[in-house]
Amino acid sequence: PNPEAQFSPILVADRLDGFNQAINPQEDFSSPDGRLFGAFSYNNLQDGVRWTAIWYFNQQVICLETLAWDGGTGGYGYTECEQDPWLPGRYEIQLFFADEWKGSANFEVLKQEEGTG
C-alpha cells in the first residue's frame, strides 16, 4: 500500500448524506436505531489493498469489516455496524489499511432513564 495513505478522524453518526459524509456526528447517543456509521475522508489510497474496520464494545468485537479497497484514491468512505439494541457504554472503532492502524473513534451510548425513550 501507498505509505502516504491518509484517513481523516472518524465521525460517528446515525445517518450519511449522498456523499458518504456524516450528518450531525456525535460522541454520545441516547438511543440509536439499529445502524451507526463511522464516516471518514481519505487520500492516496490504492484499490485492491485490504482495509479493515473493527467495532468494539467492552473490548469485544461486535462488528468487523475486511474488504479489498475499491473506493479509488481519494474521497469519502464509511464503515457501519448494526446492533439491536445498542447497549449503554463506551464503543470504539479502529480502522486499518493493509496492516497499518490509521485511526480510531470513541463514542458512548447513554443509559436511558426509567420511563423514557
PDB file of N, CA and C in Angstrom:
ATOM      1  N   PRO A   1       0.824  -1.208   0.000  1.00  0.00           N
ATOM      2  CA  PRO A   1       0.000   0.000   0.000  1.00  0.00           C
ATOM      3  C   PRO A   1       0.858   1.259   0.000  1.00  0.00           C
ATOM      4  N   ASN A   2       0.282   2.319  -0.473  1.00  0.00           N
ATOM      5  CA  ASN A   2       0.974   3.601  -0.504  1.00  0.00           C
ATOM      6  C   ASN A   2       1.268   4.055   0.925  1.00  0.00           C
ATOM      7  N   PRO A   3       2.535   4.331   1.274  1.00  0.00           N
ATOM      8  CA  PRO A   3       2.853   4.762   2.642  1.00  0.00           C
ATOM      9  C   PRO A   3       2.268   6.137   2.978  1.00  0.00           C
ATOM     10  N   GLU A   4       1.813   6.868   1.955  1.00  0.00           N
ATOM     11  CA  GLU A   4       1.224   8.186   2.197  1.00  0.00           C
ATOM     12  C   GLU A   4      -0.300   8.130   2.307  1.00  0.00           C
ATOM     13  N   ALA A   5      -0.874   6.936   2.407  1.00  0.00           N
ATOM     14  CA  ALA A   5      -2.329   6.794   2.572  1.00  0.00           C
ATOM     15  C   ALA A   5      -2.761   7.495   3.855  1.00  0.00           C
ATOM     16  N   GLN A   6      -3.822   8.303   3.746  1.00  0.00           N
ATOM     17  CA  GLN A   6      -4.281   9.099   4.887  1.00  0.00           C
ATOM     18  C   GLN A   6      -5.790   8.967   5.070  1.00  0.00           C
ATOM     19  N   PHE A   7      -6.203   8.961   6.331  1.00  0.00           N
ATOM     20  CA  PHE A   7      -7.616   8.982   6.704  1.00  0.00           C
ATOM     21  C   PHE A   7      -7.840  10.156   7.649  1.00  0.00           C
ATOM     22  N   SER A   8      -8.985  10.802   7.528  1.00  0.00           N
ATOM     23  CA  SER A   8      -9.355  11.857   8.474  1.00  0.00           C
ATOM     24  C   SER A   8      -9.807  11.198   9.776  1.00  0.00           C
ATOM     25  N   PRO A   9     -10.028  11.999  10.826  1.00  0.00           N
ATOM     26  CA  PRO A   9     -10.671  11.436  12.013  1.00  0.00           C
ATOM     27  C   PRO A   9     -12.030  10.832  11.636  1.00  0.00           C
ATOM     28  N   ILE A  10     -12.403   9.779  12.331  1.00  0.00           N
ATOM     29  CA  ILE A  10     -13.668   9.079  12.082  1.00  0.00           C
ATOM     30  C   ILE A  10     -14.784   9.807  12.833  1.00  0.00           C
ATOM     31  N   LEU A  11     -15.849  10.136  12.119  1.00  0.00           N
ATOM     32  CA  LEU A  11     -17.017  10.788  12.718  1.00  0.00           C
ATOM     33  C   LEU A  11     -18.154   9.784  12.788  1.00  0.00           C
ATOM     34  N   VAL A  12     -18.759   9.656  13.967  1.00  0.00           N
ATOM     35  CA  VAL A  12     -19.817   8.667  14.179  1.00  0.00           C
ATOM     36  C   VAL A  12     -21.176   9.357  14.069  1.00  0.00           C
ATOM     37  N   ALA A  13     -22.069   8.750  13.288  1.00  0.00           N
ATOM     38  CA  ALA A  13     -23.390   9.325  13.063  1.00  0.00           C
ATOM     39  C   ALA A  13     -24.392   8.212  12.771  1.00  0.00           C
ATOM     40  N   ASP A  14     -25.666   8.556  12.889  1.00  0.00           N
ATOM     41  CA  ASP A  14     -26.691   7.566  12.545  1.00  0.00           C
ATOM     42  C   ASP A  14     -27.215   7.742  11.120  1.00  0.00           C
ATOM     43  N   ARG A  15     -26.692   8.764  10.406  1.00  0.00           N
ATOM     44  CA  ARG A  15     -27.082   8.978   9.012  1.00  0.00           C
ATOM     45  C   ARG A  15     -25.911   9.547   8.222  1.00  0.00           C
ATOM     46  N   LEU A  16     -25.896   9.244   6.921  1.00  0.00           N
ATOM     47  CA  LEU A  16     -24.914   9.800   5.997  1.00  0.00           C
ATOM     48  C   LEU A  16     -25.648  10.540   4.894  1.00  0.00           C
ATOM     49  N   ASP A  17     -24.973  11.531   4.297  1.00  0.00           N
ATOM     50  CA  ASP A  17     -25.564  12.184   3.136  1.00  0.00           C
ATOM     51  C   ASP A  17     -25.189  11.390   1.876  1.00  0.00           C
ATOM     52  N   GLY A  18     -25.578  11.878   0.721  1.00  0.00           N
ATOM     53  CA  GLY A  18     -25.321  11.183  -0.528  1.00  0.00           C
ATOM     54  C   GLY A  18     -23.857  11.106  -0.923  1.00  0.00           C
ATOM     55  N   PHE A  19     -23.003  11.814  -0.203  1.00  0.00           N
ATOM     56  CA  PHE A  19     -21.566  11.795  -0.476  1.00  0.00           C
ATOM     57  C   PHE A  19     -20.796  11.028   0.593  1.00  0.00           C
ATOM     58  N   ASN A  20     -21.505  10.222   1.406  1.00  0.00           N
ATOM     59  CA  ASN A  20     -20.912   9.423   2.487  1.00  0.00           C
ATOM     60  C   ASN A  20     -20.336  10.269   3.610  1.00  0.00           C
ATOM     61  N   GLN A  21     -20.840  11.476   3.790  1.00  0.00           N
ATOM     62  CA  GLN A  21     -20.391  12.325   4.889  1.00  0.00           C
ATOM     63  C   GLN A  21     -21.395  12.242   6.042  1.00  0.00           C
ATOM     64  N   ALA A  22     -20.881  12.245   7.256  1.00  0.00           N
ATOM     65  CA  ALA A  22     -21.717  12.121   8.452  1.00  0.00           C
ATOM     66  C   ALA A  22     -22.658  13.318   8.587  1.00  0.00           C
ATOM     67  N   ILE A  23     -23.926  13.045   8.860  1.00  0.00           N
ATOM     68  CA  ILE A  23     -24.909  14.081   9.166  1.00  0.00           C
ATOM     69  C   ILE A  23     -25.025  14.148  10.685  1.00  0.00           C
ATOM     70  N   ASN A  24     -24.745  15.321  11.254  1.00  0.00           N
ATOM     71  CA  ASN A  24     -24.841  15.536  12.693  1.00  0.00           C
ATOM     72  C   ASN A  24     -24.037  14.489  13.496  1.00  0.00           C
ATOM     73  N   PRO A  25     -22.714  14.398  13.267  1.00  0.00           N
ATOM     74  CA  PRO A  25     -21.915  13.432  14.024  1.00  0.00           C
ATOM     75  C   PRO A  25     -21.943  13.749  15.521  1.00  0.00           C
ATOM     76  N   GLN A  26     -21.847  12.699  16.329  1.00  0.00           N
ATOM     77  CA  GLN A  26     -21.928  12.850  17.776  1.00  0.00           C
ATOM     78  C   GLN A  26     -20.908  11.947  18.463  1.00  0.00           C
ATOM     79  N   GLU A  27     -20.642  12.269  19.726  1.00  0.00           N
ATOM     80  CA  GLU A  27     -19.816  11.397  20.568  1.00  0.00           C
ATOM     81  C   GLU A  27     -20.672  10.637  21.564  1.00  0.00           C
ATOM     82  N   ASP A  28     -21.922  11.091  21.762  1.00  0.00           N
ATOM     83  CA  ASP A  28     -22.864  10.447  22.682  1.00  0.00           C
ATOM     84  C   ASP A  28     -24.191  10.239  21.966  1.00  0.00           C
ATOM     85  N   PHE A  29     -24.769   9.061  22.127  1.00  0.00           N
ATOM     86  CA  PHE A  29     -26.050   8.738  21.512  1.00  0.00           C
ATOM     87  C   PHE A  29     -27.025   8.292  22.595  1.00  0.00           C
ATOM     88  N   SER A  30     -28.264   8.795  22.533  1.00  0.00           N
ATOM     89  CA  SER A  30     -29.274   8.450  23.531  1.00  0.00           C
ATOM     90  C   SER A  30     -29.879   7.075  23.265  1.00  0.00           C
ATOM     91  N   SER A  31     -30.385   6.879  22.084  1.00  0.00           N
ATOM     92  CA  SER A  31     -30.998   5.588  21.749  1.00  0.00           C
ATOM     93  C   SER A  31     -30.902   5.378  20.244  1.00  0.00           C
ATOM     94  N   PRO A  32     -29.703   5.033  19.752  1.00  0.00           N
ATOM     95  CA  PRO A  32     -29.552   4.856  18.310  1.00  0.00           C
ATOM     96  C   PRO A  32     -30.409   3.693  17.810  1.00  0.00           C
ATOM     97  N   ASP A  33     -30.950   3.863  16.618  1.00  0.00           N
ATOM     98  CA  ASP A  33     -31.767   2.824  16.000  1.00  0.00           C
ATOM     99  C   ASP A  33     -30.920   1.977  15.068  1.00  0.00           C
ATOM    100  N   GLY A  34     -30.666   0.766  15.448  1.00  0.00           N
ATOM    101  CA  GLY A  34     -30.071  -0.216  14.551  1.00  0.00           C
ATOM    102  C   GLY A  34     -28.664   0.047  14.076  1.00  0.00           C
ATOM    103  N   ARG A  35     -28.491   0.960  13.127  1.00  0.00           N
ATOM    104  CA  ARG A  35     -27.223   1.115  12.427  1.00  0.00           C
ATOM    105  C   ARG A  35     -26.551   2.444  12.756  1.00  0.00           C
ATOM    106  N   LEU A  36     -25.234   2.367  13.001  1.00  0.00           N
ATOM    107  CA  LEU A  36     -24.407   3.566  13.127  1.00  0.00           C
ATOM    108  C   LEU A  36     -23.294   3.492  12.083  1.00  0.00           C
ATOM    109  N   PHE A  37     -22.787   4.655  11.709  1.00  0.00           N
ATOM    110  CA  PHE A  37     -21.764   4.768  10.686  1.00  0.00           C
ATOM    111  C   PHE A  37     -20.531   5.460  11.258  1.00  0.00           C
ATOM    112  N   GLY A  38     -19.373   5.028  10.838  1.00  0.00           N
ATOM    113  CA  GLY A  38     -18.118   5.721  11.092  1.00  0.00           C
ATOM    114  C   GLY A  38     -17.644   6.289   9.771  1.00  0.00           C
ATOM    115  N   ALA A  39     -17.803   7.596   9.569  1.00  0.00           N
ATOM    116  CA  ALA A  39     -17.503   8.234   8.284  1.00  0.00           C
ATOM    117  C   ALA A  39     -16.134   8.911   8.336  1.00  0.00           C
ATOM    118  N   PHE A  40     -15.453   8.925   7.186  1.00  0.00           N
ATOM    119  CA  PHE A  40     -14.115   9.491   7.109  1.00  0.00           C
ATOM    120  C   PHE A  40     -13.825   9.937   5.682  1.00  0.00           C
ATOM    121  N   SER A  41     -12.868  10.828   5.538  1.00  0.00           N
ATOM    122  CA  SER A  41     -12.342  11.134   4.205  1.00  0.00           C
ATOM    123  C   SER A  41     -10.993  10.424   4.083  1.00  0.00           C
ATOM    124  N   TYR A  42     -10.556  10.249   2.849  1.00  0.00           N
ATOM    125  CA  TYR A  42      -9.299   9.530   2.620  1.00  0.00           C
ATOM    126  C   TYR A  42      -8.589  10.099   1.402  1.00  0.00           C
ATOM    127  N   ASN A  43      -7.274   9.849   1.357  1.00  0.00           N
ATOM    128  CA  ASN A  43      -6.457  10.325   0.249  1.00  0.00           C
ATOM    129  C   ASN A  43      -5.278   9.371   0.066  1.00  0.00           C
ATOM    130  N   ASN A  44      -4.812   9.247  -1.163  1.00  0.00           N
ATOM    131  CA  ASN A  44      -3.634   8.432  -1.509  1.00  0.00           C
ATOM    132  C   ASN A  44      -3.829   6.940  -1.269  1.00  0.00           C
ATOM    133  N   LEU A  45      -5.060   6.441  -1.405  1.00  0.00           N
ATOM    134  CA  LEU A  45      -5.305   5.010  -1.255  1.00  0.00           C
ATOM    135  C   LEU A  45      -5.161   4.305  -2.597  1.00  0.00           C
ATOM    136  N   GLN A  46      -5.084   2.976  -2.555  1.00  0.00           N
ATOM    137  CA  GLN A  46      -4.965   2.164  -3.760  1.00  0.00           C
ATOM    138  C   GLN A  46      -6.058   1.102  -3.743  1.00  0.00           C
ATOM    139  N   ASP A  47      -6.784   0.968  -4.852  1.00  0.00           N
ATOM    140  CA  ASP A  47      -7.759  -0.109  -4.963  1.00  0.00           C
ATOM    141  C   ASP A  47      -7.058  -1.455  -4.852  1.00  0.00           C
ATOM    142  N   GLY A  48      -7.752  -2.410  -4.259  1.00  0.00           N
ATOM    143  CA  GLY A  48      -7.234  -3.762  -4.125  1.00  0.00           C
ATOM    144  C   GLY A  48      -6.524  -4.033  -2.812  1.00  0.00           C
ATOM    145  N   VAL A  49      -6.133  -2.994  -2.077  1.00  0.00           N
ATOM    146  CA  VAL A  49      -5.465  -3.190  -0.784  1.00  0.00           C
ATOM    147  C   VAL A  49      -6.537  -3.486   0.272  1.00  0.00           C
ATOM    148  N   ARG A  50      -6.249  -4.443   1.143  1.00  0.00           N
ATOM    149  CA  ARG A  50      -7.206  -4.818   2.182  1.00  0.00           C
ATOM    150  C   ARG A  50      -7.326  -3.702   3.212  1.00  0.00           C
ATOM    151  N   TRP A  51      -8.587  -3.399   3.587  1.00  0.00           N
ATOM    152  CA  TRP A  51      -8.832  -2.456   4.682  1.00  0.00           C
ATOM    153  C   TRP A  51      -9.758  -3.129   5.671  1.00  0.00           C
ATOM    154  N   THR A  52      -9.654  -2.727   6.919  1.00  0.00           N
ATOM    155  CA  THR A  52     -10.409  -3.372   7.989  1.00  0.00           C
ATOM    156  C   THR A  52     -10.954  -2.323   8.941  1.00  0.00           C
ATOM    157  N   ALA A  53     -12.198  -2.503   9.333  1.00  0.00           N
ATOM    158  CA  ALA A  53     -12.811  -1.693  10.380  1.00  0.00           C
ATOM    159  C   ALA A  53     -13.307  -2.644  11.464  1.00  0.00           C
ATOM    160  N   ILE A  54     -12.921  -2.361  12.703  1.00  0.00           N
ATOM    161  CA  ILE A  54     -13.312  -3.198  13.838  1.00  0.00           C
ATOM    162  C   ILE A  54     -14.066  -2.326  14.833  1.00  0.00           C
ATOM    163  N   TRP A  55     -15.263  -2.752  15.210  1.00  0.00           N
ATOM    164  CA  TRP A  55     -16.090  -2.068  16.208  1.00  0.00           C
ATOM    165  C   TRP A  55     -16.042  -2.884  17.500  1.00  0.00           C
ATOM    166  N   TYR A  56     -15.720  -2.208  18.606  1.00  0.00           N
ATOM    167  CA  TYR A  56     -15.597  -2.864  19.907  1.00  0.00           C
ATOM    168  C   TYR A  56     -16.625  -2.320  20.903  1.00  0.00           C
ATOM    169  N   PHE A  57     -17.099  -3.206  21.772  1.00  0.00           N
ATOM    170  CA  PHE A  57     -17.881  -2.834  22.939  1.00  0.00           C
ATOM    171  C   PHE A  57     -17.385  -3.714  24.081  1.00  0.00           C
ATOM    172  N   ASN A  58     -16.979  -3.093  25.192  1.00  0.00           N
ATOM    173  CA  ASN A  58     -16.410  -3.845  26.329  1.00  0.00           C
ATOM    174  C   ASN A  58     -15.280  -4.767  25.880  1.00  0.00           C
ATOM    175  N   GLN A  59     -14.422  -4.265  25.007  1.00  0.00           N
ATOM    176  CA  GLN A  59     -13.256  -4.976  24.486  1.00  0.00           C
ATOM    177  C   GLN A  59     -13.620  -6.240  23.712  1.00  0.00           C
ATOM    178  N   GLN A  60     -14.889  -6.344  23.294  1.00  0.00           N
ATOM    179  CA  GLN A  60     -15.339  -7.464  22.465  1.00  0.00           C
ATOM    180  C   GLN A  60     -15.651  -6.929  21.067  1.00  0.00           C
ATOM    181  N   VAL A  61     -15.270  -7.674  20.042  1.00  0.00           N
ATOM    182  CA  VAL A  61     -15.596  -7.282  18.673  1.00  0.00           C
ATOM    183  C   VAL A  61     -17.086  -7.503  18.438  1.00  0.00           C
ATOM    184  N   ILE A  62     -17.781  -6.427  18.029  1.00  0.00           N
ATOM    185  CA  ILE A  62     -19.212  -6.558  17.730  1.00  0.00           C
ATOM    186  C   ILE A  62     -19.495  -6.449  16.232  1.00  0.00           C
ATOM    187  N   CYS A  63     -18.617  -5.804  15.478  1.00  0.00           N
ATOM    188  CA  CYS A  63     -18.729  -5.736  14.018  1.00  0.00           C
ATOM    189  C   CYS A  63     -17.325  -5.737  13.439  1.00  0.00           C
ATOM    190  N   LEU A  64     -17.177  -6.399  12.296  1.00  0.00           N
ATOM    191  CA  LEU A  64     -15.877  -6.494  11.646  1.00  0.00           C
ATOM    192  C   LEU A  64     -16.095  -6.462  10.139  1.00  0.00           C
ATOM    193  N   GLU A  65     -15.413  -5.541   9.472  1.00  0.00           N
ATOM    194  CA  GLU A  65     -15.418  -5.476   8.014  1.00  0.00           C
ATOM    195  C   GLU A  65     -13.978  -5.611   7.545  1.00  0.00           C
ATOM    196  N   THR A  66     -13.724  -6.532   6.628  1.00  0.00           N
ATOM    197  CA  THR A  66     -12.420  -6.651   5.982  1.00  0.00           C
ATOM    198  C   THR A  66     -12.689  -6.881   4.508  1.00  0.00           C
ATOM    199  N   LEU A  67     -12.300  -5.906   3.696  1.00  0.00           N
ATOM    200  CA  LEU A  67     -12.607  -5.941   2.270  1.00  0.00           C
ATOM    201  C   LEU A  67     -11.426  -5.423   1.471  1.00  0.00           C
ATOM    202  N   ALA A  68     -11.414  -5.735   0.178  1.00  0.00           N
ATOM    203  CA  ALA A  68     -10.452  -5.107  -0.722  1.00  0.00           C
ATOM    204  C   ALA A  68     -10.951  -3.694  -0.999  1.00  0.00           C
ATOM    205  N   TRP A  69     -10.085  -2.703  -0.848  1.00  0.00           N
ATOM    206  CA  TRP A  69     -10.473  -1.310  -1.069  1.00  0.00           C
ATOM    207  C   TRP A  69     -10.876  -1.132  -2.530  1.00  0.00           C
ATOM    208  N   ASP A  70     -12.030  -0.475  -2.759  1.00  0.00           N
ATOM    209  CA  ASP A  70     -12.497  -0.227  -4.121  1.00  0.00           C
ATOM    210  C   ASP A  70     -13.028   1.195  -4.287  1.00  0.00           C
ATOM    211  N   GLY A  71     -12.602   2.105  -3.398  1.00  0.00           N
ATOM    212  CA  GLY A  71     -13.120   3.471  -3.403  1.00  0.00           C
ATOM    213  C   GLY A  71     -12.261   4.484  -4.126  1.00  0.00           C
ATOM    214  N   GLY A  72     -11.231   4.026  -4.846  1.00  0.00           N
ATOM    215  CA  GLY A  72     -10.361   4.968  -5.550  1.00  0.00           C
ATOM    216  C   GLY A  72      -9.357   5.619  -4.618  1.00  0.00           C
ATOM    217  N   THR A  73      -8.650   6.617  -5.138  1.00  0.00           N
ATOM    218  CA  THR A  73      -7.537   7.196  -4.389  1.00  0.00           C
ATOM    219  C   THR A  73      -7.956   8.220  -3.344  1.00  0.00           C
ATOM    220  N   GLY A  74      -9.082   8.890  -3.547  1.00  0.00           N
ATOM    221  CA  GLY A  74      -9.486   9.911  -2.587  1.00  0.00           C
ATOM    222  C   GLY A  74     -10.989  10.102  -2.579  1.00  0.00           C
ATOM    223  N   GLY A  75     -11.515  10.548  -1.448  1.00  0.00           N
ATOM    224  CA  GLY A  75     -12.951  10.792  -1.348  1.00  0.00           C
ATOM    225  C   GLY A  75     -13.453  10.595   0.067  1.00  0.00           C
ATOM    226  N   TYR A  76     -14.685  10.120   0.168  1.00  0.00           N
ATOM    227  CA  TYR A  76     -15.335   9.908   1.460  1.00  0.00           C
ATOM    228  C   TYR A  76     -15.800   8.464   1.550  1.00  0.00           C
ATOM    229  N   GLY A  77     -15.576   7.850   2.699  1.00  0.00           N
ATOM    230  CA  GLY A  77     -15.983   6.467   2.907  1.00  0.00           C
ATOM    231  C   GLY A  77     -16.581   6.297   4.282  1.00  0.00           C
ATOM    232  N   TYR A  78     -16.997   5.070   4.574  1.00  0.00           N
ATOM    233  CA  TYR A  78     -17.584   4.795   5.878  1.00  0.00           C
ATOM    234  C   TYR A  78     -17.508   3.306   6.202  1.00  0.00           C
ATOM    235  N   THR A  79     -17.643   3.026   7.455  1.00  0.00           N
ATOM    236  CA  THR A  79     -17.870   1.690   7.967  1.00  0.00           C
ATOM    237  C   THR A  79     -19.204   1.737   8.690  1.00  0.00           C
ATOM    238  N   GLU A  80     -19.868   0.604   8.820  1.00  0.00           N
ATOM    239  CA  GLU A  80     -21.157   0.593   9.506  1.00  0.00           C
ATOM    240  C   GLU A  80     -21.264  -0.619  10.415  1.00  0.00           C
ATOM    241  N   CYS A  81     -22.095  -0.459  11.432  1.00  0.00           N
ATOM    242  CA  CYS A  81     -22.340  -1.533  12.382  1.00  0.00           C
ATOM    243  C   CYS A  81     -23.802  -1.450  12.804  1.00  0.00           C
ATOM    244  N   GLU A  82     -24.442  -2.613  12.903  1.00  0.00           N
ATOM    245  CA  GLU A  82     -25.841  -2.663  13.311  1.00  0.00           C
ATOM    246  C   GLU A  82     -25.958  -3.514  14.569  1.00  0.00           C
ATOM    247  N   GLN A  83     -26.641  -2.974  15.571  1.00  0.00           N
ATOM    248  CA  GLN A  83     -26.892  -3.679  16.827  1.00  0.00           C
ATOM    249  C   GLN A  83     -28.364  -3.464  17.200  1.00  0.00           C
ATOM    250  N   ASP A  84     -28.961  -4.449  17.812  1.00  0.00           N
ATOM    251  CA  ASP A  84     -30.353  -4.312  18.243  1.00  0.00           C
ATOM    252  C   ASP A  84     -30.515  -5.030  19.578  1.00  0.00           C
ATOM    253  N   PRO A  85     -30.430  -4.301  20.660  1.00  0.00           N
ATOM    254  CA  PRO A  85     -30.232  -2.859  20.788  1.00  0.00           C
ATOM    255  C   PRO A  85     -28.747  -2.526  20.974  1.00  0.00           C
ATOM    256  N   TRP A  86     -28.440  -1.227  20.899  1.00  0.00           N
ATOM    257  CA  TRP A  86     -27.121  -0.729  21.290  1.00  0.00           C
ATOM    258  C   TRP A  86     -27.136  -0.623  22.813  1.00  0.00           C
ATOM    259  N   LEU A  87     -26.300  -1.382  23.472  1.00  0.00           N
ATOM    260  CA  LEU A  87     -26.262  -1.370  24.933  1.00  0.00           C
ATOM    261  C   LEU A  87     -25.534  -0.124  25.430  1.00  0.00           C
ATOM    262  N   PRO A  88     -25.918   0.390  26.593  1.00  0.00           N
ATOM    263  CA  PRO A  88     -25.226   1.558  27.143  1.00  0.00           C
ATOM    264  C   PRO A  88     -23.752   1.246  27.415  1.00  0.00           C
ATOM    265  N   GLY A  89     -22.902   2.214  27.144  1.00  0.00           N
ATOM    266  CA  GLY A  89     -21.478   2.058  27.415  1.00  0.00           C
ATOM    267  C   GLY A  89     -20.628   2.691  26.334  1.00  0.00           C
ATOM    268  N   ARG A  90     -19.300   2.470  26.448  1.00  0.00           N
ATOM    269  CA  ARG A  90     -18.313   3.057  25.533  1.00  0.00           C
ATOM    270  C   ARG A  90     -18.020   2.080  24.384  1.00  0.00           C
ATOM    271  N   TYR A  91     -17.909   2.645  23.203  1.00  0.00           N
ATOM    272  CA  TYR A  91     -17.597   1.883  21.992  1.00  0.00           C
ATOM    273  C   TYR A  91     -16.360   2.476  21.346  1.00  0.00           C
ATOM    274  N   GLU A  92     -15.678   1.662  20.539  1.00  0.00           N
ATOM    275  CA  GLU A  92     -14.518   2.130  19.797  1.00  0.00           C
ATOM    276  C   GLU A  92     -14.546   1.538  18.401  1.00  0.00           C
ATOM    277  N   ILE A  93     -14.167   2.360  17.417  1.00  0.00           N
ATOM    278  CA  ILE A  93     -13.972   1.908  16.046  1.00  0.00           C
ATOM    279  C   ILE A  93     -12.479   2.040  15.747  1.00  0.00           C
ATOM    280  N   GLN A  94     -11.874   0.990  15.202  1.00  0.00           N
ATOM    281  CA  GLN A  94     -10.477   1.053  14.762  1.00  0.00           C
ATOM    282  C   GLN A  94     -10.428   0.782  13.269  1.00  0.00           C
ATOM    283  N   LEU A  95      -9.619   1.576  12.558  1.00  0.00           N
ATOM    284  CA  LEU A  95      -9.521   1.497  11.112  1.00  0.00           C
ATOM    285  C   LEU A  95      -8.089   1.156  10.707  1.00  0.00           C
ATOM    286  N   PHE A  96      -7.950   0.167   9.821  1.00  0.00           N
ATOM    287  CA  PHE A  96      -6.644  -0.278   9.334  1.00  0.00           C
ATOM    288  C   PHE A  96      -6.641  -0.285   7.812  1.00  0.00           C
ATOM    289  N   PHE A  97      -5.516   0.097   7.219  1.00  0.00           N
ATOM    290  CA  PHE A  97      -5.310  -0.033   5.780  1.00  0.00           C
ATOM    291  C   PHE A  97      -4.112  -0.940   5.612  1.00  0.00           C
ATOM    292  N   ALA A  98      -4.303  -2.092   4.945  1.00  0.00           N
ATOM    293  CA  ALA A  98      -3.371  -3.208   4.985  1.00  0.00           C
ATOM    294  C   ALA A  98      -3.277  -3.597   6.469  1.00  0.00           C
ATOM    295  N   ASP A  99      -2.091  -3.665   7.039  1.00  0.00           N
ATOM    296  CA  ASP A  99      -1.967  -3.999   8.461  1.00  0.00           C
ATOM    297  C   ASP A  99      -1.645  -2.783   9.309  1.00  0.00           C
ATOM    298  N   GLU A 100      -1.753  -1.590   8.720  1.00  0.00           N
ATOM    299  CA  GLU A 100      -1.358  -0.369   9.418  1.00  0.00           C
ATOM    300  C   GLU A 100      -2.567   0.330  10.028  1.00  0.00           C
ATOM    301  N   TRP A 101      -2.488   0.600  11.344  1.00  0.00           N
ATOM    302  CA  TRP A 101      -3.547   1.340  12.032  1.00  0.00           C
ATOM    303  C   TRP A 101      -3.601   2.751  11.470  1.00  0.00           C
ATOM    304  N   LYS A 102      -4.827   3.210  11.119  1.00  0.00           N
ATOM    305  CA  LYS A 102      -4.981   4.540  10.534  1.00  0.00           C
ATOM    306  C   LYS A 102      -5.841   5.472  11.374  1.00  0.00           C
ATOM    307  N   GLY A 103      -6.490   4.961  12.399  1.00  0.00           N
ATOM    308  CA  GLY A 103      -7.274   5.855  13.249  1.00  0.00           C
ATOM    309  C   GLY A 103      -8.304   5.111  14.072  1.00  0.00           C
ATOM    310  N   SER A 104      -8.795   5.804  15.090  1.00  0.00           N
ATOM    311  CA  SER A 104      -9.820   5.261  15.981  1.00  0.00           C
ATOM    312  C   SER A 104     -10.815   6.358  16.322  1.00  0.00           C
ATOM    313  N   ALA A 105     -11.996   5.942  16.699  1.00  0.00           N
ATOM    314  CA  ALA A 105     -13.014   6.865  17.209  1.00  0.00           C
ATOM    315  C   ALA A 105     -13.682   6.199  18.393  1.00  0.00           C
ATOM    316  N   ASN A 106     -14.023   6.997  19.374  1.00  0.00           N
ATOM    317  CA  ASN A 106     -14.748   6.510  20.541  1.00  0.00           C
ATOM    318  C   ASN A 106     -16.081   7.234  20.628  1.00  0.00           C
ATOM    319  N   PHE A 107     -17.102   6.504  21.059  1.00  0.00           N
ATOM    320  CA  PHE A 107     -18.401   7.123  21.294  1.00  0.00           C
ATOM    321  C   PHE A 107     -19.094   6.362  22.410  1.00  0.00           C
ATOM    322  N   GLU A 108     -20.148   6.961  22.928  1.00  0.00           N
ATOM    323  CA  GLU A 108     -20.855   6.358  24.048  1.00  0.00           C
ATOM    324  C   GLU A 108     -22.344   6.302  23.757  1.00  0.00           C
ATOM    325  N   VAL A 109     -22.951   5.195  24.153  1.00  0.00           N
ATOM    326  CA  VAL A 109     -24.405   5.080  24.154  1.00  0.00           C
ATOM    327  C   VAL A 109     -24.829   5.254  25.598  1.00  0.00           C
ATOM    328  N   LEU A 110     -25.658   6.263  25.818  1.00  0.00           N
ATOM    329  CA  LEU A 110     -26.068   6.643  27.160  1.00  0.00           C
ATOM    330  C   LEU A 110     -27.180   5.746  27.690  1.00  0.00           C
ATOM    331  N   LYS A 111     -27.148   5.504  28.983  1.00  0.00           N
ATOM    332  CA  LYS A 111     -28.201   4.723  29.615  1.00  0.00           C
ATOM    333  C   LYS A 111     -29.489   5.539  29.644  1.00  0.00           C
ATOM    334  N   GLN A 112     -30.577   4.916  29.272  1.00  0.00           N
ATOM    335  CA  GLN A 112     -31.875   5.585  29.274  1.00  0.00           C
ATOM    336  C   GLN A 112     -32.454   5.618  30.683  1.00  0.00           C
ATOM    337  N   GLU A 113     -33.035   6.743  31.034  1.00  0.00           N
ATOM    338  CA  GLU A 113     -33.733   6.861  32.322  1.00  0.00           C
ATOM    339  C   GLU A 113     -34.988   6.013  32.282  1.00  0.00           C
ATOM    340  N   GLU A 114     -35.404   5.511  33.436  1.00  0.00           N
ATOM    341  CA  GLU A 114     -36.652   4.750  33.521  1.00  0.00           C
ATOM    342  C   GLU A 114     -37.798   5.582  32.982  1.00  0.00           C
ATOM    343  N   GLY A 115     -38.626   4.974  32.125  1.00  0.00           N
ATOM    344  CA  GLY A 115     -39.812   5.646  31.620  1.00  0.00           C
ATOM    345  C   GLY A 115     -39.557   6.602  30.483  1.00  0.00           C
ATOM    346  N   THR A 116     -38.314   6.621  29.902  1.00  0.00           N
ATOM    347  CA  THR A 116     -38.050   7.494  28.752  1.00  0.00           C
ATOM    348  C   THR A 116     -37.608   6.637  27.580  1.00  0.00           C
ATOM    349  N   GLY A 117     -37.740   7.219  26.378  1.00  0.00           N
ATOM    350  CA  GLY A 117     -37.260   6.683  25.123  1.00  0.00           C
ATOM    351  C   GLY A 117     -37.334   5.244  24.975  1.00  0.00           C
TER     352      GLY A 117
END
